[in-house]
Amino acid sequence: MKLRILEWKNTTTLYIATVQPLDRFIPGTMHELKRKGPEIWMVGRLKSGGGDDLYALGYRKYDLDFEEAKQRATAAIERYNALYEAGRDPLA
């Protein structure tokens, strides 16, 4: 499934781009997969039995403004989709 940014959330420390509805995931399985610079990948286990998948991308406000976070999130989702379409694991 091709991902896209569904909504932006704003916490005191993060801009969060959700890319899949929360109800697709098993409750209690959300966790941080990786951090690279100001970017945080949050994943969870899909209810459909498809393993773990990306739920959201977080960006630290300390490092980026909202426009920079939007640009980085768009680029990350484009990379994710390209890897998925090429048959490679985008979470690796």
PDB file of N, CA and C in Angstrom:
ATOM      1  N   MET A   1       0.831  -1.172   0.000  1.00  0.00           N
ATOM      2  CA  MET A   1       0.000   0.000   0.000  1.00  0.00           C
ATOM      3  C   MET A   1       0.883   1.246   0.000  1.00  0.00           C
ATOM      4  N   LYS A   2       0.613   2.161  -0.892  1.00  0.00           N
ATOM      5  CA  LYS A   2       1.373   3.400  -0.984  1.00  0.00           C
ATOM      6  C   LYS A   2       0.970   4.331   0.156  1.00  0.00           C
ATOM      7  N   LEU A   3       1.953   4.786   0.915  1.00  0.00           N
ATOM      8  CA  LEU A   3       1.679   5.652   2.058  1.00  0.00           C
ATOM      9  C   LEU A   3       1.693   7.115   1.652  1.00  0.00           C
ATOM     10  N   ARG A   4       0.976   7.900   2.430  1.00  0.00           N
ATOM     11  CA  ARG A   4       0.960   9.352   2.281  1.00  0.00           C
ATOM     12  C   ARG A   4       0.698   9.946   3.662  1.00  0.00           C
ATOM     13  N   ILE A   5       0.995  11.207   3.814  1.00  0.00           N
ATOM     14  CA  ILE A   5       0.751  11.868   5.091  1.00  0.00           C
ATOM     15  C   ILE A   5      -0.739  12.114   5.231  1.00  0.00           C
ATOM     16  N   LEU A   6      -1.323  11.557   6.302  1.00  0.00           N
ATOM     17  CA  LEU A   6      -2.748  11.708   6.556  1.00  0.00           C
ATOM     18  C   LEU A   6      -3.057  12.951   7.380  1.00  0.00           C
ATOM     19  N   GLU A   7      -2.204  13.208   8.374  1.00  0.00           N
ATOM     20  CA  GLU A   7      -2.455  14.348   9.257  1.00  0.00           C
ATOM     21  C   GLU A   7      -1.186  14.707  10.004  1.00  0.00           C
ATOM     22  N   TRP A   8      -1.113  15.953  10.405  1.00  0.00           N
ATOM     23  CA  TRP A   8      -0.012  16.430  11.234  1.00  0.00           C
ATOM     24  C   TRP A   8      -0.526  16.651  12.652  1.00  0.00           C
ATOM     25  N   LYS A   9       0.281  16.199  13.617  1.00  0.00           N
ATOM     26  CA  LYS A   9      -0.001  16.452  15.030  1.00  0.00           C
ATOM     27  C   LYS A   9       1.156  17.263  15.586  1.00  0.00           C
ATOM     28  N   ASN A  10       0.873  17.991  16.640  1.00  0.00           N
ATOM     29  CA  ASN A  10       1.846  18.895  17.210  1.00  0.00           C
ATOM     30  C   ASN A  10       1.924  18.640  18.708  1.00  0.00           C
ATOM     31  N   THR A  11       3.092  18.237  19.207  1.00  0.00           N
ATOM     32  CA  THR A  11       3.280  18.105  20.649  1.00  0.00           C
ATOM     33  C   THR A  11       4.213  19.222  21.098  1.00  0.00           C
ATOM     34  N   THR A  12       4.560  19.235  22.362  1.00  0.00           N
ATOM     35  CA  THR A  12       5.462  20.288  22.840  1.00  0.00           C
ATOM     36  C   THR A  12       6.864  20.154  22.250  1.00  0.00           C
ATOM     37  N   THR A  13       7.256  18.942  21.870  1.00  0.00           N
ATOM     38  CA  THR A  13       8.625  18.748  21.371  1.00  0.00           C
ATOM     39  C   THR A  13       8.709  18.223  19.937  1.00  0.00           C
ATOM     40  N   LEU A  14       7.588  17.740  19.376  1.00  0.00           N
ATOM     41  CA  LEU A  14       7.629  17.099  18.053  1.00  0.00           C
ATOM     42  C   LEU A  14       6.544  17.592  17.108  1.00  0.00           C
ATOM     43  N   TYR A  15       6.883  17.567  15.826  1.00  0.00           N
ATOM     44  CA  TYR A  15       5.893  17.592  14.755  1.00  0.00           C
ATOM     45  C   TYR A  15       5.730  16.127  14.347  1.00  0.00           C
ATOM     46  N   ILE A  16       4.506  15.623  14.268  1.00  0.00           N
ATOM     47  CA  ILE A  16       4.285  14.212  13.959  1.00  0.00           C
ATOM     48  C   ILE A  16       3.399  14.091  12.730  1.00  0.00           C
ATOM     49  N   ALA A  17       3.917  13.392  11.718  1.00  0.00           N
ATOM     50  CA  ALA A  17       3.168  13.129  10.492  1.00  0.00           C
ATOM     51  C   ALA A  17       2.659  11.693  10.554  1.00  0.00           C
ATOM     52  N   THR A  18       1.349  11.512  10.708  1.00  0.00           N
ATOM     53  CA  THR A  18       0.802  10.156  10.696  1.00  0.00           C
ATOM     54  C   THR A  18       0.582   9.742   9.240  1.00  0.00           C
ATOM     55  N   VAL A  19       0.930   8.476   8.953  1.00  0.00           N
ATOM     56  CA  VAL A  19       0.852   7.998   7.573  1.00  0.00           C
ATOM     57  C   VAL A  19      -0.109   6.821   7.407  1.00  0.00           C
ATOM     58  N   GLN A  20      -0.609   6.283   8.522  1.00  0.00           N
ATOM     59  CA  GLN A  20      -1.612   5.225   8.482  1.00  0.00           C
ATOM     60  C   GLN A  20      -2.543   5.412   9.677  1.00  0.00           C
ATOM     61  N   PRO A  21      -3.807   5.032   9.528  1.00  0.00           N
ATOM     62  CA  PRO A  21      -4.733   5.142  10.660  1.00  0.00           C
ATOM     63  C   PRO A  21      -4.311   4.235  11.817  1.00  0.00           C
ATOM     64  N   LEU A  22      -4.445   4.740  13.022  1.00  0.00           N
ATOM     65  CA  LEU A  22      -4.072   3.995  14.224  1.00  0.00           C
ATOM     66  C   LEU A  22      -4.846   2.690  14.351  1.00  0.00           C
ATOM     67  N   ASP A  23      -6.089   2.662  13.877  1.00  0.00           N
ATOM     68  CA  ASP A  23      -6.903   1.451  14.037  1.00  0.00           C
ATOM     69  C   ASP A  23      -6.443   0.283  13.167  1.00  0.00           C
ATOM     70  N   ARG A  24      -5.449   0.471  12.316  1.00  0.00           N
ATOM     71  CA  ARG A  24      -4.879  -0.627  11.534  1.00  0.00           C
ATOM     72  C   ARG A  24      -3.879  -1.460  12.348  1.00  0.00           C
ATOM     73  N   PHE A  25      -3.500  -0.941  13.524  1.00  0.00           N
ATOM     74  CA  PHE A  25      -2.439  -1.548  14.323  1.00  0.00           C
ATOM     75  C   PHE A  25      -2.987  -2.193  15.596  1.00  0.00           C
ATOM     76  N   ILE A  26      -2.295  -3.223  16.055  1.00  0.00           N
ATOM     77  CA  ILE A  26      -2.649  -3.881  17.310  1.00  0.00           C
ATOM     78  C   ILE A  26      -2.305  -2.930  18.452  1.00  0.00           C
ATOM     79  N   PRO A  27      -3.264  -2.664  19.346  1.00  0.00           N
ATOM     80  CA  PRO A  27      -2.990  -1.760  20.471  1.00  0.00           C
ATOM     81  C   PRO A  27      -1.788  -2.237  21.289  1.00  0.00           C
ATOM     82  N   GLY A  28      -0.997  -1.285  21.723  1.00  0.00           N
ATOM     83  CA  GLY A  28       0.152  -1.582  22.578  1.00  0.00           C
ATOM     84  C   GLY A  28       1.404  -2.009  21.838  1.00  0.00           C
ATOM     85  N   THR A  29       1.363  -2.027  20.501  1.00  0.00           N
ATOM     86  CA  THR A  29       2.545  -2.477  19.752  1.00  0.00           C
ATOM     87  C   THR A  29       3.359  -1.330  19.165  1.00  0.00           C
ATOM     88  N   MET A  30       2.917  -0.107  19.357  1.00  0.00           N
ATOM     89  CA  MET A  30       3.650   1.034  18.807  1.00  0.00           C
ATOM     90  C   MET A  30       4.991   1.188  19.515  1.00  0.00           C
ATOM     91  N   HIS A  31       6.027   1.433  18.728  1.00  0.00           N
ATOM     92  CA  HIS A  31       7.346   1.672  19.301  1.00  0.00           C
ATOM     93  C   HIS A  31       8.208   2.441  18.302  1.00  0.00           C
ATOM     94  N   GLU A  32       9.264   3.022  18.824  1.00  0.00           N
ATOM     95  CA  GLU A  32      10.224   3.735  17.991  1.00  0.00           C
ATOM     96  C   GLU A  32      11.110   2.706  17.292  1.00  0.00           C
ATOM     97  N   LEU A  33      11.202   2.804  15.981  1.00  0.00           N
ATOM     98  CA  LEU A  33      12.052   1.893  15.225  1.00  0.00           C
ATOM     99  C   LEU A  33      13.459   2.446  15.088  1.00  0.00           C
ATOM    100  N   LYS A  34      13.554   3.711  14.701  1.00  0.00           N
ATOM    101  CA  LYS A  34      14.881   4.298  14.525  1.00  0.00           C
ATOM    102  C   LYS A  34      14.823   5.807  14.618  1.00  0.00           C
ATOM    103  N   ARG A  35      15.991   6.361  14.934  1.00  0.00           N
ATOM    104  CA  ARG A  35      16.201   7.813  14.953  1.00  0.00           C
ATOM    105  C   ARG A  35      17.385   8.109  14.054  1.00  0.00           C
ATOM    106  N   LYS A  36      17.212   9.109  13.230  1.00  0.00           N
ATOM    107  CA  LYS A  36      18.327   9.562  12.401  1.00  0.00           C
ATOM    108  C   LYS A  36      18.262  11.080  12.375  1.00  0.00           C
ATOM    109  N   GLY A  37      19.190  11.718  13.071  1.00  0.00           N
ATOM    110  CA  GLY A  37      19.144  13.164  13.192  1.00  0.00           C
ATOM    111  C   GLY A  37      17.857  13.568  13.888  1.00  0.00           C
ATOM    112  N   PRO A  38      17.118  14.514  13.302  1.00  0.00           N
ATOM    113  CA  PRO A  38      15.879  14.971  13.942  1.00  0.00           C
ATOM    114  C   PRO A  38      14.667  14.091  13.631  1.00  0.00           C
ATOM    115  N   GLU A  39      14.866  13.023  12.852  1.00  0.00           N
ATOM    116  CA  GLU A  39      13.741  12.192  12.396  1.00  0.00           C
ATOM    117  C   GLU A  39      13.584  10.933  13.245  1.00  0.00           C
ATOM    118  N   ILE A  40      12.336  10.626  13.599  1.00  0.00           N
ATOM    119  CA  ILE A  40      12.011   9.442  14.399  1.00  0.00           C
ATOM    120  C   ILE A  40      10.948   8.635  13.650  1.00  0.00           C
ATOM    121  N   TRP A  41      11.205   7.347  13.431  1.00  0.00           N
ATOM    122  CA  TRP A  41      10.245   6.452  12.776  1.00  0.00           C
ATOM    123  C   TRP A  41       9.508   5.662  13.849  1.00  0.00           C
ATOM    124  N   MET A  42       8.179   5.735  13.833  1.00  0.00           N
ATOM    125  CA  MET A  42       7.347   5.005  14.788  1.00  0.00           C
ATOM    126  C   MET A  42       6.553   3.933  14.039  1.00  0.00           C
ATOM    127  N   VAL A  43       6.645   2.709  14.518  1.00  0.00           N
ATOM    128  CA  VAL A  43       5.994   1.579  13.851  1.00  0.00           C
ATOM    129  C   VAL A  43       5.110   0.820  14.839  1.00  0.00           C
ATOM    130  N   GLY A  44       4.275  -0.040  14.282  1.00  0.00           N
ATOM    131  CA  GLY A  44       3.435  -0.909  15.086  1.00  0.00           C
ATOM    132  C   GLY A  44       3.122  -2.164  14.300  1.00  0.00           C
ATOM    133  N   ARG A  45       2.567  -3.150  14.982  1.00  0.00           N
ATOM    134  CA  ARG A  45       2.202  -4.422  14.349  1.00  0.00           C
ATOM    135  C   ARG A  45       0.806  -4.297  13.752  1.00  0.00           C
ATOM    136  N   LEU A  46       0.701  -4.622  12.455  1.00  0.00           N
ATOM    137  CA  LEU A  46      -0.581  -4.538  11.761  1.00  0.00           C
ATOM    138  C   LEU A  46      -1.545  -5.619  12.233  1.00  0.00           C
ATOM    139  N   LYS A  47      -2.818  -5.272  12.377  1.00  0.00           N
ATOM    140  CA  LYS A  47      -3.847  -6.236  12.755  1.00  0.00           C
ATOM    141  C   LYS A  47      -4.011  -7.309  11.682  1.00  0.00           C
ATOM    142  N   SER A  48      -3.751  -6.951  10.445  1.00  0.00           N
ATOM    143  CA  SER A  48      -3.950  -7.867   9.323  1.00  0.00           C
ATOM    144  C   SER A  48      -2.898  -8.971   9.261  1.00  0.00           C
ATOM    145  N   GLY A  49      -1.965  -8.977  10.184  1.00  0.00           N
ATOM    146  CA  GLY A  49      -0.940 -10.018  10.201  1.00  0.00           C
ATOM    147  C   GLY A  49       0.212  -9.753   9.254  1.00  0.00           C
ATOM    148  N   GLY A  50       0.311  -8.533   8.780  1.00  0.00           N
ATOM    149  CA  GLY A  50       1.370  -8.182   7.840  1.00  0.00           C
ATOM    150  C   GLY A  50       2.677  -7.783   8.485  1.00  0.00           C
ATOM    151  N   GLY A  51       2.845  -8.022   9.771  1.00  0.00           N
ATOM    152  CA  GLY A  51       4.079  -7.639  10.447  1.00  0.00           C
ATOM    153  C   GLY A  51       4.042  -6.189  10.880  1.00  0.00           C
ATOM    154  N   ASP A  52       5.222  -5.638  11.151  1.00  0.00           N
ATOM    155  CA  ASP A  52       5.331  -4.244  11.559  1.00  0.00           C
ATOM    156  C   ASP A  52       5.290  -3.341  10.338  1.00  0.00           C
ATOM    157  N   ASP A  53       4.743  -2.143  10.518  1.00  0.00           N
ATOM    158  CA  ASP A  53       4.735  -1.162   9.449  1.00  0.00           C
ATOM    159  C   ASP A  53       4.774   0.234  10.054  1.00  0.00           C
ATOM    160  N   LEU A  54       5.108   1.191   9.220  1.00  0.00           N
ATOM    161  CA  LEU A  54       5.245   2.577   9.635  1.00  0.00           C
ATOM    162  C   LEU A  54       3.892   3.177   9.994  1.00  0.00           C
ATOM    163  N   TYR A  55       3.835   3.806  11.150  1.00  0.00           N
ATOM    164  CA  TYR A  55       2.633   4.521  11.587  1.00  0.00           C
ATOM    165  C   TYR A  55       2.826   6.035  11.452  1.00  0.00           C
ATOM    166  N   ALA A  56       3.986   6.530  11.878  1.00  0.00           N
ATOM    167  CA  ALA A  56       4.199   7.978  11.872  1.00  0.00           C
ATOM    168  C   ALA A  56       5.684   8.319  11.829  1.00  0.00           C
ATOM    169  N   LEU A  57       5.940   9.540  11.405  1.00  0.00           N
ATOM    170  CA  LEU A  57       7.277  10.118  11.433  1.00  0.00           C
ATOM    171  C   LEU A  57       7.249  11.318  12.368  1.00  0.00           C
ATOM    172  N   GLY A  58       8.221  11.402  13.259  1.00  0.00           N
ATOM    173  CA  GLY A  58       8.303  12.529  14.174  1.00  0.00           C
ATOM    174  C   GLY A  58       9.542  13.354  13.891  1.00  0.00           C
ATOM    175  N   TYR A  59       9.436  14.654  14.097  1.00  0.00           N
ATOM    176  CA  TYR A  59      10.545  15.581  13.877  1.00  0.00           C
ATOM    177  C   TYR A  59      10.661  16.514  15.065  1.00  0.00           C
ATOM    178  N   ARG A  60      11.854  16.579  15.645  1.00  0.00           N
ATOM    179  CA  ARG A  60      12.078  17.401  16.829  1.00  0.00           C
ATOM    180  C   ARG A  60      12.010  18.888  16.490  1.00  0.00           C
ATOM    181  N   LYS A  61      11.203  19.608  17.221  1.00  0.00           N
ATOM    182  CA  LYS A  61      11.052  21.046  17.019  1.00  0.00           C
ATOM    183  C   LYS A  61      12.342  21.803  17.323  1.00  0.00           C
ATOM    184  N   TYR A  62      13.152  21.244  18.191  1.00  0.00           N
ATOM    185  CA  TYR A  62      14.419  21.877  18.548  1.00  0.00           C
ATOM    186  C   TYR A  62      15.318  22.001  17.326  1.00  0.00           C
ATOM    187  N   ASP A  63      15.209  21.041  16.396  1.00  0.00           N
ATOM    188  CA  ASP A  63      16.093  20.988  15.232  1.00  0.00           C
ATOM    189  C   ASP A  63      15.498  21.598  13.963  1.00  0.00           C
ATOM    190  N   LEU A  64      14.169  21.586  13.836  1.00  0.00           N
ATOM    191  CA  LEU A  64      13.532  21.985  12.578  1.00  0.00           C
ATOM    192  C   LEU A  64      12.304  22.847  12.816  1.00  0.00           C
ATOM    193  N   ASP A  65      11.999  23.697  11.840  1.00  0.00           N
ATOM    194  CA  ASP A  65      10.703  24.360  11.882  1.00  0.00           C
ATOM    195  C   ASP A  65       9.705  23.487  11.118  1.00  0.00           C
ATOM    196  N   PHE A  66       8.434  23.875  11.134  1.00  0.00           N
ATOM    197  CA  PHE A  66       7.394  23.032  10.551  1.00  0.00           C
ATOM    198  C   PHE A  66       7.583  22.821   9.054  1.00  0.00           C
ATOM    199  N   GLU A  67       7.982  23.832   8.321  1.00  0.00           N
ATOM    200  CA  GLU A  67       8.185  23.690   6.867  1.00  0.00           C
ATOM    201  C   GLU A  67       9.292  22.685   6.559  1.00  0.00           C
ATOM    202  N   GLU A  68      10.370  22.724   7.333  1.00  0.00           N
ATOM    203  CA  GLU A  68      11.456  21.747   7.151  1.00  0.00           C
ATOM    204  C   GLU A  68      10.970  20.338   7.482  1.00  0.00           C
ATOM    205  N   ALA A  69      10.174  20.212   8.534  1.00  0.00           N
ATOM    206  CA  ALA A  69       9.627  18.900   8.896  1.00  0.00           C
ATOM    207  C   ALA A  69       8.746  18.366   7.779  1.00  0.00           C
ATOM    208  N   LYS A  70       7.904  19.214   7.186  1.00  0.00           N
ATOM    209  CA  LYS A  70       7.037  18.787   6.083  1.00  0.00           C
ATOM    210  C   LYS A  70       7.865  18.305   4.890  1.00  0.00           C
ATOM    211  N   GLN A  71       8.921  19.030   4.551  1.00  0.00           N
ATOM    212  CA  GLN A  71       9.776  18.635   3.434  1.00  0.00           C
ATOM    213  C   GLN A  71      10.452  17.292   3.702  1.00  0.00           C
ATOM    214  N   ARG A  72      10.973  17.126   4.902  1.00  0.00           N
ATOM    215  CA  ARG A  72      11.650  15.866   5.247  1.00  0.00           C
ATOM    216  C   ARG A  72      10.675  14.694   5.280  1.00  0.00           C
ATOM    217  N   ALA A  73       9.487  14.924   5.806  1.00  0.00           N
ATOM    218  CA  ALA A  73       8.489  13.852   5.856  1.00  0.00           C
ATOM    219  C   ALA A  73       8.078  13.433   4.446  1.00  0.00           C
ATOM    220  N   THR A  74       7.864  14.385   3.575  1.00  0.00           N
ATOM    221  CA  THR A  74       7.494  14.076   2.191  1.00  0.00           C
ATOM    222  C   THR A  74       8.590  13.259   1.522  1.00  0.00           C
ATOM    223  N   ALA A  75       9.837  13.649   1.704  1.00  0.00           N
ATOM    224  CA  ALA A  75      10.962  12.909   1.118  1.00  0.00           C
ATOM    225  C   ALA A  75      11.066  11.502   1.706  1.00  0.00           C
ATOM    226  N   ALA A  76      10.860  11.370   3.019  1.00  0.00           N
ATOM    227  CA  ALA A  76      10.935  10.052   3.661  1.00  0.00           C
ATOM    228  C   ALA A  76       9.844   9.125   3.146  1.00  0.00           C
ATOM    229  N   ILE A  77       8.639   9.645   2.955  1.00  0.00           N
ATOM    230  CA  ILE A  77       7.532   8.828   2.450  1.00  0.00           C
ATOM    231  C   ILE A  77       7.784   8.436   0.993  1.00  0.00           C
ATOM    232  N   GLU A  78       8.346   9.339   0.210  1.00  0.00           N
ATOM    233  CA  GLU A  78       8.683   9.000  -1.177  1.00  0.00           C
ATOM    234  C   GLU A  78       9.718   7.869  -1.219  1.00  0.00           C
ATOM    235  N   ARG A  79      10.731   7.933  -0.349  1.00  0.00           N
ATOM    236  CA  ARG A  79      11.738   6.858  -0.275  1.00  0.00           C
ATOM    237  C   ARG A  79      11.097   5.549   0.171  1.00  0.00           C
ATOM    238  N   TYR A  80      10.237   5.623   1.192  1.00  0.00           N
ATOM    239  CA  TYR A  80       9.532   4.433   1.682  1.00  0.00           C
ATOM    240  C   TYR A  80       8.758   3.783   0.538  1.00  0.00           C
ATOM    241  N   ASN A  81       7.955   4.559  -0.169  1.00  0.00           N
ATOM    242  CA  ASN A  81       7.133   4.024  -1.255  1.00  0.00           C
ATOM    243  C   ASN A  81       7.981   3.446  -2.385  1.00  0.00           C
ATOM    244  N   ALA A  82       9.081   4.098  -2.723  1.00  0.00           N
ATOM    245  CA  ALA A  82       9.960   3.596  -3.787  1.00  0.00           C
ATOM    246  C   ALA A  82      10.569   2.252  -3.392  1.00  0.00           C
ATOM    247  N   LEU A  83      11.025   2.130  -2.161  1.00  0.00           N
ATOM    248  CA  LEU A  83      11.588   0.860  -1.692  1.00  0.00           C
ATOM    249  C   LEU A  83      10.531  -0.228  -1.692  1.00  0.00           C
ATOM    250  N   TYR A  84       9.329   0.090  -1.204  1.00  0.00           N
ATOM    251  CA  TYR A  84       8.227  -0.883  -1.163  1.00  0.00           C
ATOM    252  C   TYR A  84       7.886  -1.364  -2.569  1.00  0.00           C
ATOM    253  N   GLU A  85       7.781  -0.434  -3.506  1.00  0.00           N
ATOM    254  CA  GLU A  85       7.451  -0.784  -4.887  1.00  0.00           C
ATOM    255  C   GLU A  85       8.533  -1.602  -5.550  1.00  0.00           C
ATOM    256  N   ALA A  86       9.785  -1.427  -5.102  1.00  0.00           N
ATOM    257  CA  ALA A  86      10.906  -2.198  -5.645  1.00  0.00           C
ATOM    258  C   ALA A  86      11.042  -3.560  -4.973  1.00  0.00           C
ATOM    259  N   GLY A  87      10.144  -3.868  -4.043  1.00  0.00           N
ATOM    260  CA  GLY A  87      10.191  -5.163  -3.365  1.00  0.00           C
ATOM    261  C   GLY A  87      11.201  -5.222  -2.234  1.00  0.00           C
ATOM    262  N   ARG A  88      11.683  -4.080  -1.788  1.00  0.00           N
ATOM    263  CA  ARG A  88      12.646  -4.038  -0.691  1.00  0.00           C
ATOM    264  C   ARG A  88      11.941  -3.617   0.589  1.00  0.00           C
ATOM    265  N   ASP A  89      12.517  -3.974   1.720  1.00  0.00           N
ATOM    266  CA  ASP A  89      11.920  -3.641   3.025  1.00  0.00           C
ATOM    267  C   ASP A  89      12.221  -2.183   3.364  1.00  0.00           C
ATOM    268  N   PRO A  90      11.211  -1.314   3.349  1.00  0.00           N
ATOM    269  CA  PRO A  90      11.461   0.092   3.635  1.00  0.00           C
ATOM    270  C   PRO A  90      11.776   0.382   5.100  1.00  0.00           C
ATOM    271  N   LEU A  91      11.584  -0.573   5.983  1.00  0.00           N
ATOM    272  CA  LEU A  91      11.875  -0.384   7.400  1.00  0.00           C
ATOM    273  C   LEU A  91      13.273  -0.834   7.781  1.00  0.00           C
ATOM    274  N   ALA A  92      13.990  -1.419   6.855  1.00  0.00           N
ATOM    275  CA  ALA A  92      15.331  -1.949   7.158  1.00  0.00           C
ATOM    276  C   ALA A  92      16.340  -0.826   7.320  1.00  0.00           C
TER     277      ALA A  92
END
